[in-house]
Amino acid sequence: MSNQNNNDENNKYMAIDREVYKEIDDFSAEVLDGDELLKYVEARRSFFNNTEKAIEKYFTPEEIQEGISTYGDFYYHYMAKYSKGYLYKIGNTGYTEGFRNLLKKYELDPDLLNINWESIKLREEIYEVDLIDVLYAVISYEIGKYGYEIFGINMGFESVLYFIVKKDAYEKRIKKEYNLFTLFDLEFLENIYNEIYEVTEDLGIPKVKTGDFLEKKGAEFHTMFRNKEANTVIKNIDEDDERLKLIL
């Protein structure tokens, strides 16, 4: 009876493993090009044939020190290094250029989008890290006009790996719950933030400039600066003000 119970338990975990691996393979087929996909399949096979050798083959000693042991670790680090995706390490700056390079990899010209890249880049050092989500939302809206979707995945590391795909592929085959990672998209962010607005014209407020972003909390608007002393609360405007543009 005990052996039967153990077999049942093993079969259950094997079924879970197969489901997880199928999810990863299906996802990879959506975000990797033909040659990239073939190389991924080879890397996956190498991992299961000889995990230690595969890790040494695909990663430097410094990268291995970040902690690569399970297949989930291996997959995430492999995709970050060998796919077109953009790996953003939470808390870091440099994401304006990171997103611009991501767009170029997918042959989308960032300078043809209605985004003031220089303005956002200048704010990276003085804004909370939430600014990356604001930029993400703007990019999502702009490339959506051309039938594309940008999204990110997180597998428990202090980072997000961003990809761009056709909107139809995202809605029909990618957008769902996964066992190994969390999906970051516009809908996910809308559940985290209150409304965020861009200041498009001078509000006549010393601490707020055109190009700044405000988060609406209740009936008030709050600036999003990293330096808490630089922040201010604005009470004499509302969301219908023509000098504000809804971003998120």
C-alpha atoms as a PDB file:
ATOM      1  CA  MET A   1       0.000   0.000   0.000  1.00  0.00           C
ATOM      2  CA  SER A   2       2.881   2.319   0.897  1.00  0.00           C
ATOM      3  CA  ASN A   3       4.594   1.696  -2.458  1.00  0.00           C
ATOM      4  CA  GLN A   4       1.351   2.463  -4.255  1.00  0.00           C
ATOM      5  CA  ASN A   5       1.048   5.776  -2.410  1.00  0.00           C
ATOM      6  CA  ASN A   6       4.654   6.662  -3.281  1.00  0.00           C
ATOM      7  CA  ASN A   7       4.055   5.840  -6.942  1.00  0.00           C
ATOM      8  CA  ASP A   8       0.932   7.965  -6.999  1.00  0.00           C
ATOM      9  CA  GLU A   9       2.863  10.850  -5.443  1.00  0.00           C
ATOM     10  CA  ASN A  10       5.717  10.497  -7.932  1.00  0.00           C
ATOM     11  CA  ASN A  11       3.305  10.365 -10.862  1.00  0.00           C
ATOM     12  CA  LYS A  12       1.621  13.537  -9.592  1.00  0.00           C
ATOM     13  CA  TYR A  13       4.934  15.442  -9.478  1.00  0.00           C
ATOM     14  CA  MET A  14       5.988  14.091 -12.865  1.00  0.00           C
ATOM     15  CA  ALA A  15       2.719  15.389 -14.320  1.00  0.00           C
ATOM     16  CA  ILE A  16       3.342  18.797 -12.719  1.00  0.00           C
ATOM     17  CA  ASP A  17       6.885  18.873 -14.125  1.00  0.00           C
ATOM     18  CA  ARG A  18       5.636  18.026 -17.611  1.00  0.00           C
ATOM     19  CA  GLU A  19       3.061  20.811 -17.362  1.00  0.00           C
ATOM     20  CA  VAL A  20       5.700  23.333 -16.261  1.00  0.00           C
ATOM     21  CA  TYR A  21       8.154  22.350 -19.001  1.00  0.00           C
ATOM     22  CA  LYS A  22       5.419  22.486 -21.631  1.00  0.00           C
ATOM     23  CA  GLU A  23       4.495  25.985 -20.452  1.00  0.00           C
ATOM     24  CA  ILE A  24       8.111  27.097 -20.785  1.00  0.00           C
ATOM     25  CA  ASP A  25       8.507  25.527 -24.222  1.00  0.00           C
ATOM     26  CA  ASP A  26       5.259  27.077 -25.478  1.00  0.00           C
ATOM     27  CA  PHE A  27       6.284  30.471 -24.134  1.00  0.00           C
ATOM     28  CA  SER A  28       9.735  30.184 -25.691  1.00  0.00           C
ATOM     29  CA  ALA A  29       8.203  29.366 -29.062  1.00  0.00           C
ATOM     30  CA  GLU A  30       6.343  32.693 -28.910  1.00  0.00           C
ATOM     31  CA  VAL A  31       9.231  34.974 -27.936  1.00  0.00           C
ATOM     32  CA  LEU A  32      12.188  33.368 -29.719  1.00  0.00           C
ATOM     33  CA  ASP A  33      12.935  33.471 -33.439  1.00  0.00           C
ATOM     34  CA  GLY A  34      13.610  30.271 -35.364  1.00  0.00           C
ATOM     35  CA  ASP A  35      17.369  30.114 -34.800  1.00  0.00           C
ATOM     36  CA  GLU A  36      17.018  31.349 -31.210  1.00  0.00           C
ATOM     37  CA  LEU A  37      14.441  28.645 -30.529  1.00  0.00           C
ATOM     38  CA  LEU A  38      16.687  25.893 -31.897  1.00  0.00           C
ATOM     39  CA  LYS A  39      19.547  27.076 -29.693  1.00  0.00           C
ATOM     40  CA  TYR A  40      17.231  27.160 -26.674  1.00  0.00           C
ATOM     41  CA  VAL A  41      16.120  23.564 -27.318  1.00  0.00           C
ATOM     42  CA  GLU A  42      19.786  22.548 -27.496  1.00  0.00           C
ATOM     43  CA  ALA A  43      20.521  24.366 -24.220  1.00  0.00           C
ATOM     44  CA  ARG A  44      17.559  22.722 -22.495  1.00  0.00           C
ATOM     45  CA  ARG A  45      18.704  19.302 -23.670  1.00  0.00           C
ATOM     46  CA  SER A  46      22.210  20.028 -22.412  1.00  0.00           C
ATOM     47  CA  PHE A  47      20.868  21.014 -18.994  1.00  0.00           C
ATOM     48  CA  PHE A  48      18.993  17.761 -18.501  1.00  0.00           C
ATOM     49  CA  ASN A  49      21.823  15.645 -19.878  1.00  0.00           C
ATOM     50  CA  ASN A  50      24.494  17.188 -17.663  1.00  0.00           C
ATOM     51  CA  THR A  51      23.408  20.138 -15.560  1.00  0.00           C
ATOM     52  CA  GLU A  52      26.850  21.165 -14.322  1.00  0.00           C
ATOM     53  CA  LYS A  53      28.449  21.117 -17.766  1.00  0.00           C
ATOM     54  CA  ALA A  54      25.513  23.013 -19.284  1.00  0.00           C
ATOM     55  CA  ILE A  55      25.782  25.769 -16.690  1.00  0.00           C
ATOM     56  CA  GLU A  56      29.521  26.062 -17.303  1.00  0.00           C
ATOM     57  CA  LYS A  57      28.956  26.096 -21.068  1.00  0.00           C
ATOM     58  CA  TYR A  58      26.407  28.885 -21.175  1.00  0.00           C
ATOM     59  CA  PHE A  59      27.486  31.130 -18.295  1.00  0.00           C
ATOM     60  CA  THR A  60      30.637  32.766 -16.988  1.00  0.00           C
ATOM     61  CA  PRO A  61      31.869  32.047 -13.424  1.00  0.00           C
ATOM     62  CA  GLU A  62      30.597  35.496 -12.389  1.00  0.00           C
ATOM     63  CA  GLU A  63      27.133  34.757 -13.781  1.00  0.00           C
ATOM     64  CA  ILE A  64      27.048  31.357 -12.082  1.00  0.00           C
ATOM     65  CA  GLN A  65      27.692  33.053  -8.742  1.00  0.00           C
ATOM     66  CA  GLU A  66      24.284  34.741  -9.067  1.00  0.00           C
ATOM     67  CA  GLY A  67      22.770  31.342  -8.280  1.00  0.00           C
ATOM     68  CA  ILE A  68      21.944  28.901 -11.081  1.00  0.00           C
ATOM     69  CA  SER A  69      20.889  25.448  -9.902  1.00  0.00           C
ATOM     70  CA  THR A  70      17.300  24.624 -10.872  1.00  0.00           C
ATOM     71  CA  TYR A  71      15.978  24.589 -14.397  1.00  0.00           C
ATOM     72  CA  GLY A  72      13.963  27.723 -13.594  1.00  0.00           C
ATOM     73  CA  ASP A  73      17.198  29.539 -12.681  1.00  0.00           C
ATOM     74  CA  PHE A  74      18.895  28.231 -15.810  1.00  0.00           C
ATOM     75  CA  TYR A  75      15.995  29.231 -18.063  1.00  0.00           C
ATOM     76  CA  TYR A  76      15.650  32.770 -16.731  1.00  0.00           C
ATOM     77  CA  HIS A  77      19.365  33.515 -16.930  1.00  0.00           C
ATOM     78  CA  TYR A  78      19.596  31.874 -20.356  1.00  0.00           C
ATOM     79  CA  MET A  79      16.764  34.018 -21.735  1.00  0.00           C
ATOM     80  CA  ALA A  80      18.258  37.146 -20.182  1.00  0.00           C
ATOM     81  CA  LYS A  81      21.598  36.477 -21.856  1.00  0.00           C
ATOM     82  CA  TYR A  82      20.730  34.873 -25.198  1.00  0.00           C
ATOM     83  CA  SER A  83      17.298  36.194 -26.226  1.00  0.00           C
ATOM     84  CA  LYS A  84      16.318  39.631 -27.550  1.00  0.00           C
ATOM     85  CA  GLY A  85      14.738  40.414 -24.198  1.00  0.00           C
ATOM     86  CA  TYR A  86      15.776  43.373 -22.040  1.00  0.00           C
ATOM     87  CA  LEU A  87      16.739  42.507 -18.464  1.00  0.00           C
ATOM     88  CA  TYR A  88      15.993  45.338 -16.049  1.00  0.00           C
ATOM     89  CA  LYS A  89      17.450  44.977 -12.559  1.00  0.00           C
ATOM     90  CA  ILE A  90      15.006  46.571 -10.146  1.00  0.00           C
ATOM     91  CA  GLY A  91      16.291  49.807  -8.638  1.00  0.00           C
ATOM     92  CA  ASN A  92      18.804  50.516 -11.405  1.00  0.00           C
ATOM     93  CA  THR A  93      18.743  53.423 -13.820  1.00  0.00           C
ATOM     94  CA  GLY A  94      19.560  53.186 -17.528  1.00  0.00           C
ATOM     95  CA  TYR A  95      16.155  51.815 -18.481  1.00  0.00           C
ATOM     96  CA  THR A  96      15.430  54.555 -21.014  1.00  0.00           C
ATOM     97  CA  GLU A  97      18.306  53.323 -23.169  1.00  0.00           C
ATOM     98  CA  GLY A  98      17.434  49.743 -22.289  1.00  0.00           C
ATOM     99  CA  PHE A  99      13.934  50.091 -23.719  1.00  0.00           C
ATOM    100  CA  ARG A 100      15.198  51.988 -26.769  1.00  0.00           C
ATOM    101  CA  ASN A 101      17.606  49.133 -27.523  1.00  0.00           C
ATOM    102  CA  LEU A 102      14.827  46.586 -27.003  1.00  0.00           C
ATOM    103  CA  LEU A 103      12.653  48.359 -29.574  1.00  0.00           C
ATOM    104  CA  LYS A 104      15.522  48.426 -32.060  1.00  0.00           C
ATOM    105  CA  LYS A 105      16.045  44.670 -31.665  1.00  0.00           C
ATOM    106  CA  TYR A 106      12.474  44.202 -32.847  1.00  0.00           C
ATOM    107  CA  GLU A 107      13.030  46.665 -35.697  1.00  0.00           C
ATOM    108  CA  LEU A 108      10.810  49.311 -34.117  1.00  0.00           C
ATOM    109  CA  ASP A 109      12.314  52.786 -34.405  1.00  0.00           C
ATOM    110  CA  PRO A 110      12.025  54.452 -30.962  1.00  0.00           C
ATOM    111  CA  ASP A 111      12.374  57.906 -32.507  1.00  0.00           C
ATOM    112  CA  LEU A 112       9.197  57.412 -34.531  1.00  0.00           C
ATOM    113  CA  LEU A 113       7.167  56.921 -31.353  1.00  0.00           C
ATOM    114  CA  ASN A 114       5.530  59.856 -29.598  1.00  0.00           C
ATOM    115  CA  ILE A 115       7.840  59.623 -26.588  1.00  0.00           C
ATOM    116  CA  ASN A 116      10.122  62.323 -25.206  1.00  0.00           C
ATOM    117  CA  TRP A 117      13.029  59.977 -24.473  1.00  0.00           C
ATOM    118  CA  GLU A 118      15.429  62.686 -23.414  1.00  0.00           C
ATOM    119  CA  SER A 119      12.954  64.116 -20.915  1.00  0.00           C
ATOM    120  CA  ILE A 120      12.445  60.727 -19.253  1.00  0.00           C
ATOM    121  CA  LYS A 121      16.158  59.920 -19.293  1.00  0.00           C
ATOM    122  CA  LEU A 122      16.897  63.169 -17.450  1.00  0.00           C
ATOM    123  CA  ARG A 123      14.372  62.185 -14.760  1.00  0.00           C
ATOM    124  CA  GLU A 124      15.787  58.712 -14.065  1.00  0.00           C
ATOM    125  CA  GLU A 125      18.122  59.968 -11.335  1.00  0.00           C
ATOM    126  CA  ILE A 126      15.581  62.177  -9.568  1.00  0.00           C
ATOM    127  CA  TYR A 127      12.440  60.016  -9.764  1.00  0.00           C
ATOM    128  CA  GLU A 128      11.363  56.971  -7.804  1.00  0.00           C
ATOM    129  CA  VAL A 129      11.982  53.673  -9.625  1.00  0.00           C
ATOM    130  CA  ASP A 130       8.260  53.736 -10.505  1.00  0.00           C
ATOM    131  CA  LEU A 131       9.261  55.897 -13.465  1.00  0.00           C
ATOM    132  CA  ILE A 132      10.205  52.748 -15.381  1.00  0.00           C
ATOM    133  CA  ASP A 133       6.572  51.614 -15.148  1.00  0.00           C
ATOM    134  CA  VAL A 134       5.422  54.989 -16.451  1.00  0.00           C
ATOM    135  CA  LEU A 135       7.781  54.671 -19.418  1.00  0.00           C
ATOM    136  CA  TYR A 136       6.634  51.090 -19.959  1.00  0.00           C
ATOM    137  CA  ALA A 137       2.998  52.258 -20.092  1.00  0.00           C
ATOM    138  CA  VAL A 138       3.835  54.952 -22.661  1.00  0.00           C
ATOM    139  CA  ILE A 139       5.749  52.452 -24.823  1.00  0.00           C
ATOM    140  CA  SER A 140       2.903  49.951 -24.539  1.00  0.00           C
ATOM    141  CA  TYR A 141       0.414  52.517 -25.805  1.00  0.00           C
ATOM    142  CA  GLU A 142       2.653  53.718 -28.637  1.00  0.00           C
ATOM    143  CA  ILE A 143       3.631  50.321 -30.068  1.00  0.00           C
ATOM    144  CA  GLY A 144       0.062  49.129 -29.606  1.00  0.00           C
ATOM    145  CA  LYS A 145      -0.818  51.454 -32.498  1.00  0.00           C
ATOM    146  CA  TYR A 146       1.328  49.204 -34.708  1.00  0.00           C
ATOM    147  CA  GLY A 147      -0.062  45.931 -33.403  1.00  0.00           C
ATOM    148  CA  TYR A 148       2.668  45.112 -30.868  1.00  0.00           C
ATOM    149  CA  GLU A 149       2.637  44.322 -27.168  1.00  0.00           C
ATOM    150  CA  ILE A 150       5.433  44.749 -24.615  1.00  0.00           C
ATOM    151  CA  PHE A 151       5.409  42.681 -21.430  1.00  0.00           C
ATOM    152  CA  GLY A 152       7.764  41.400 -18.765  1.00  0.00           C
ATOM    153  CA  ILE A 153       8.299  38.240 -16.733  1.00  0.00           C
ATOM    154  CA  ASN A 154       9.675  37.779 -13.227  1.00  0.00           C
ATOM    155  CA  MET A 155      10.777  34.461 -11.728  1.00  0.00           C
ATOM    156  CA  GLY A 156      11.528  35.617  -8.197  1.00  0.00           C
ATOM    157  CA  PHE A 157      14.750  37.454  -8.965  1.00  0.00           C
ATOM    158  CA  GLU A 158      15.100  41.208  -8.366  1.00  0.00           C
ATOM    159  CA  SER A 159      14.631  41.885 -12.055  1.00  0.00           C
ATOM    160  CA  VAL A 160      12.129  41.882 -14.902  1.00  0.00           C
ATOM    161  CA  LEU A 161      12.806  40.473 -18.368  1.00  0.00           C
ATOM    162  CA  TYR A 162      10.916  42.364 -21.091  1.00  0.00           C
ATOM    163  CA  PHE A 163       9.861  41.094 -24.539  1.00  0.00           C
ATOM    164  CA  ILE A 164       7.905  42.453 -27.492  1.00  0.00           C
ATOM    165  CA  VAL A 165       5.496  40.328 -29.536  1.00  0.00           C
ATOM    166  CA  LYS A 166       2.565  40.819 -31.862  1.00  0.00           C
ATOM    167  CA  LYS A 167      -0.512  41.864 -29.895  1.00  0.00           C
ATOM    168  CA  ASP A 168      -2.581  38.998 -31.327  1.00  0.00           C
ATOM    169  CA  ALA A 169      -0.034  36.401 -30.156  1.00  0.00           C
ATOM    170  CA  TYR A 170       0.077  37.962 -26.702  1.00  0.00           C
ATOM    171  CA  GLU A 171      -3.687  38.046 -26.223  1.00  0.00           C
ATOM    172  CA  LYS A 172      -4.342  34.551 -27.580  1.00  0.00           C
ATOM    173  CA  ARG A 173      -1.369  32.492 -26.428  1.00  0.00           C
ATOM    174  CA  ILE A 174       0.859  34.299 -23.933  1.00  0.00           C
ATOM    175  CA  LYS A 175      -1.468  36.165 -21.584  1.00  0.00           C
ATOM    176  CA  LYS A 176      -2.287  33.650 -18.844  1.00  0.00           C
ATOM    177  CA  GLU A 177      -1.095  32.454 -15.442  1.00  0.00           C
ATOM    178  CA  TYR A 178       2.200  30.549 -15.310  1.00  0.00           C
ATOM    179  CA  ASN A 179       3.658  28.167 -12.761  1.00  0.00           C
ATOM    180  CA  LEU A 180       7.249  29.436 -12.904  1.00  0.00           C
ATOM    181  CA  PHE A 181       6.913  33.171 -13.458  1.00  0.00           C
ATOM    182  CA  THR A 182       4.680  36.192 -13.081  1.00  0.00           C
ATOM    183  CA  LEU A 183       3.602  38.162 -16.125  1.00  0.00           C
ATOM    184  CA  PHE A 184       4.018  41.949 -16.026  1.00  0.00           C
ATOM    185  CA  ASP A 185       1.781  43.859 -18.422  1.00  0.00           C
ATOM    186  CA  LEU A 186      -0.309  47.019 -18.474  1.00  0.00           C
ATOM    187  CA  GLU A 187      -3.244  45.317 -16.763  1.00  0.00           C
ATOM    188  CA  PHE A 188      -0.928  44.144 -13.966  1.00  0.00           C
ATOM    189  CA  LEU A 189       0.376  47.689 -13.404  1.00  0.00           C
ATOM    190  CA  GLU A 190      -3.119  49.181 -13.427  1.00  0.00           C
ATOM    191  CA  ASN A 191      -3.894  47.036 -10.385  1.00  0.00           C
ATOM    192  CA  ILE A 192      -0.837  48.391  -8.546  1.00  0.00           C
ATOM    193  CA  TYR A 193      -0.961  52.125  -9.208  1.00  0.00           C
ATOM    194  CA  ASN A 194      -3.466  54.878  -8.814  1.00  0.00           C
ATOM    195  CA  GLU A 195      -3.857  56.985 -11.960  1.00  0.00           C
ATOM    196  CA  ILE A 196      -0.647  58.605 -13.217  1.00  0.00           C
ATOM    197  CA  TYR A 197      -0.657  61.752 -15.338  1.00  0.00           C
ATOM    198  CA  GLU A 198       1.960  63.598 -17.354  1.00  0.00           C
ATOM    199  CA  VAL A 199       2.174  67.375 -17.040  1.00  0.00           C
ATOM    200  CA  THR A 200       1.980  68.672 -20.624  1.00  0.00           C
ATOM    201  CA  GLU A 201       1.839  72.414 -19.866  1.00  0.00           C
ATOM    202  CA  ASP A 202       3.066  74.671 -17.074  1.00  0.00           C
ATOM    203  CA  LEU A 203       0.874  74.356 -13.955  1.00  0.00           C
ATOM    204  CA  GLY A 204       2.333  77.446 -12.317  1.00  0.00           C
ATOM    205  CA  ILE A 205       3.713  75.336  -9.447  1.00  0.00           C
ATOM    206  CA  PRO A 206       7.437  75.916  -8.661  1.00  0.00           C
ATOM    207  CA  LYS A 207       8.313  72.265  -7.961  1.00  0.00           C
ATOM    208  CA  VAL A 208       6.479  70.882 -10.991  1.00  0.00           C
ATOM    209  CA  LYS A 209       7.707  71.252 -14.561  1.00  0.00           C
ATOM    210  CA  THR A 210       6.310  70.336 -17.949  1.00  0.00           C
ATOM    211  CA  GLY A 211       7.199  66.686 -18.522  1.00  0.00           C
ATOM    212  CA  ASP A 212       6.852  65.705 -14.865  1.00  0.00           C
ATOM    213  CA  PHE A 213       4.516  62.919 -13.735  1.00  0.00           C
ATOM    214  CA  LEU A 214       1.907  63.024 -10.978  1.00  0.00           C
ATOM    215  CA  GLU A 215       0.139  60.172  -9.198  1.00  0.00           C
ATOM    216  CA  LYS A 216      -3.484  60.818  -8.257  1.00  0.00           C
ATOM    217  CA  LYS A 217      -4.345  59.755  -4.715  1.00  0.00           C
ATOM    218  CA  GLY A 218      -7.912  60.502  -3.818  1.00  0.00           C
ATOM    219  CA  ALA A 219      -8.586  64.116  -4.787  1.00  0.00           C
ATOM    220  CA  GLU A 220      -4.896  65.066  -4.641  1.00  0.00           C
ATOM    221  CA  PHE A 221      -1.972  64.802  -7.050  1.00  0.00           C
ATOM    222  CA  HIS A 222       1.442  63.781  -5.725  1.00  0.00           C
ATOM    223  CA  THR A 223       4.838  64.254  -7.352  1.00  0.00           C
ATOM    224  CA  MET A 224       7.036  61.139  -7.633  1.00  0.00           C
ATOM    225  CA  PHE A 225      10.531  62.416  -6.827  1.00  0.00           C
ATOM    226  CA  ARG A 226      13.092  60.199  -5.100  1.00  0.00           C
ATOM    227  CA  ASN A 227      13.990  62.990  -2.679  1.00  0.00           C
ATOM    228  CA  LYS A 228      11.012  63.127  -0.321  1.00  0.00           C
ATOM    229  CA  GLU A 229      11.704  66.758   0.533  1.00  0.00           C
ATOM    230  CA  ALA A 230      11.322  67.695  -3.133  1.00  0.00           C
ATOM    231  CA  ASN A 231       7.817  66.222  -3.350  1.00  0.00           C
ATOM    232  CA  THR A 232       4.672  68.283  -3.202  1.00  0.00           C
ATOM    233  CA  VAL A 233       0.926  67.667  -3.045  1.00  0.00           C
ATOM    234  CA  ILE A 234      -1.335  69.504  -5.476  1.00  0.00           C
ATOM    235  CA  LYS A 235      -4.967  70.066  -4.540  1.00  0.00           C
ATOM    236  CA  ASN A 236      -6.221  72.781  -6.881  1.00  0.00           C
ATOM    237  CA  ILE A 237      -6.442  70.765 -10.143  1.00  0.00           C
ATOM    238  CA  ASP A 238      -8.436  67.742 -11.291  1.00  0.00           C
ATOM    239  CA  GLU A 239      -8.044  64.965 -13.870  1.00  0.00           C
ATOM    240  CA  ASP A 240      -9.997  66.940 -16.482  1.00  0.00           C
ATOM    241  CA  ASP A 241      -7.392  69.705 -16.529  1.00  0.00           C
ATOM    242  CA  GLU A 242      -6.173  70.069 -20.147  1.00  0.00           C
ATOM    243  CA  ARG A 243      -2.599  70.432 -18.903  1.00  0.00           C
ATOM    244  CA  LEU A 244      -2.621  66.819 -17.738  1.00  0.00           C
ATOM    245  CA  LYS A 245      -2.435  63.666 -19.852  1.00  0.00           C
ATOM    246  CA  LEU A 246      -3.476  60.269 -18.433  1.00  0.00           C
ATOM    247  CA  ILE A 247      -0.619  57.760 -18.756  1.00  0.00           C
ATOM    248  CA  LEU A 248      -1.499  54.840 -16.482  1.00  0.00           C
END
